[in-house]
Structure formats: C-alpha cells, structure tokens
Amino acid sequence: KKITMKVNGIKCKTQEQAVLEYLKTGKPISQDIAYEVVGTQRLGAIIWKLRNRGYDISSINSKGKNRFGNNVNFCLYHLSMTQEQIRRIENE
C-alpha cells in the first residue's frame, strides 16, 4: 500500500510534488525540513528535476549548527516565482 503525503492540505503522490507544494507556501526548504515533511534524503535531486521543468528555485547558502553543536553549511531553497508564473508552467 502506497502512503500519500499531505503538504499544505494537498495530497501528494510523489516526493517531487510534495516538495513543490511545500515551496509554494513561500517557505524555504532545507534537507532537514525535506526529510521531516516529505521523507526524502534526495532534496538536491528533486530541486534539479523541478528546475528542469521550468521552476525558478533559488539557492541560499546558510550556516548553522548540527545536532552536535558543530558549525555546518547548508542550502535553503526558495521558489522565486509569482503564482501566475507557476500556473503557466503547470498548464503547459
């Protein structure tokens, strides 16, 4: 039995769809958030696919601490498009 993810109140059949729905909320997504919300450990691959489909997704290099308190660098991804631009891609 397949488990359907629900992101932003929308049932998503794939991790790619779930990441896109999360980005549509206007919030940035990181690998940690993607694992927690979507269950994927391949966020970079999903972002690559979405970009190839025409979605404008910016990368923001960030710094923080890991669970051991060590300094780490990570990437936040943000959807840089208007709702109209998104609709155009989805209706192609």
Protein backbone atom coordinates (compact mmCIF):
# COMPACT_ATOMS: atom_id res chain seq x y z
CA LYS A 1 0.00 0.00 0.00
CA LYS A 2 1.34 3.42 -1.00
CA ILE A 3 1.33 6.17 1.57
CA THR A 4 0.12 9.53 0.31
CA MET A 5 1.81 12.59 1.78
CA LYS A 6 -0.20 15.65 2.67
CA VAL A 7 1.55 19.00 2.32
CA ASN A 8 -0.24 22.32 2.72
CA GLY A 9 -3.54 20.43 2.77
CA ILE A 10 -2.87 18.83 -0.63
CA LYS A 11 -2.43 15.08 -1.11
CA CYS A 12 0.82 14.39 -2.92
CA LYS A 13 1.60 11.12 -4.67
CA THR A 14 5.31 11.80 -5.15
CA GLN A 15 8.09 13.40 -3.14
CA GLU A 16 8.68 15.79 -6.03
CA GLN A 17 5.07 17.00 -5.86
CA ALA A 18 5.29 17.30 -2.06
CA VAL A 19 8.46 19.44 -2.23
CA LEU A 20 6.84 21.69 -4.85
CA GLU A 21 3.71 22.12 -2.72
CA TYR A 22 5.88 22.99 0.27
CA LEU A 23 7.80 25.59 -1.76
CA LYS A 24 4.51 27.10 -2.94
CA THR A 25 3.76 28.06 0.67
CA GLY A 26 6.55 30.65 0.36
CA LYS A 27 8.73 28.98 2.98
CA PRO A 28 12.28 27.92 2.15
CA ILE A 29 13.14 24.22 2.38
CA SER A 30 16.34 22.58 3.58
CA GLN A 31 17.40 18.94 3.61
CA ASP A 32 16.32 18.64 7.27
CA ILE A 33 12.85 20.04 6.53
CA ALA A 34 12.52 17.87 3.42
CA TYR A 35 13.32 14.74 5.42
CA GLU A 36 10.88 15.69 8.19
CA VAL A 37 7.97 16.81 5.99
CA VAL A 38 8.42 14.72 2.84
CA GLY A 39 10.65 11.86 3.92
CA THR A 40 13.27 12.39 1.22
CA GLN A 41 17.02 12.33 1.58
CA ARG A 42 17.44 13.43 -2.05
CA LEU A 43 16.29 17.06 -1.95
CA GLY A 44 19.04 18.19 -4.34
CA ALA A 45 17.85 15.72 -6.99
CA ILE A 46 14.23 16.85 -6.58
CA ILE A 47 15.24 20.53 -6.88
CA TRP A 48 17.20 19.66 -10.05
CA LYS A 49 14.12 17.99 -11.57
CA LEU A 50 11.87 20.91 -10.67
CA ARG A 51 14.31 23.39 -12.19
CA ASN A 52 14.42 21.32 -15.39
CA ARG A 53 10.62 21.51 -15.52
CA GLY A 54 10.92 25.32 -15.54
CA TYR A 55 10.51 26.26 -11.88
CA ASP A 56 12.74 29.14 -10.75
CA ILE A 57 14.21 27.94 -7.45
CA SER A 58 16.93 29.99 -5.76
CA SER A 59 19.62 28.57 -3.53
CA ILE A 60 20.59 30.38 -0.36
CA ASN A 61 23.81 29.27 1.32
CA SER A 62 23.32 29.25 5.08
CA LYS A 63 25.30 28.46 8.19
CA GLY A 64 24.12 26.83 11.37
CA LYS A 65 24.93 24.17 13.94
CA ASN A 66 24.33 20.44 13.67
CA ARG A 67 22.91 18.32 16.48
CA PHE A 68 26.41 18.00 17.98
CA GLY A 69 26.90 21.78 18.09
CA ASN A 70 29.40 21.86 15.23
CA ASN A 71 29.29 24.64 12.64
CA VAL A 72 27.84 23.46 9.32
CA ASN A 73 26.98 24.93 5.93
CA PHE A 74 23.72 24.01 4.23
CA CYS A 75 21.48 25.17 1.43
CA LEU A 76 17.97 26.61 1.66
CA TYR A 77 15.85 26.52 -1.49
CA HIS A 78 13.15 29.10 -2.23
CA LEU A 79 10.61 29.29 -5.06
CA SER A 80 11.23 32.63 -6.81
CA MET A 81 8.08 32.85 -8.93
CA THR A 82 4.68 34.51 -8.89
CA GLN A 83 1.52 32.43 -8.73
CA GLU A 84 0.82 33.38 -12.37
CA GLN A 85 4.24 32.08 -13.48
CA ILE A 86 3.62 28.83 -11.60
CA ARG A 87 0.19 28.42 -13.24
CA ARG A 88 1.73 28.89 -16.69
CA ILE A 89 4.23 26.05 -16.09
CA GLU A 90 1.54 23.76 -14.69
CA ASN A 91 -0.78 24.37 -17.64
CA GLU A 92 1.82 23.61 -20.32
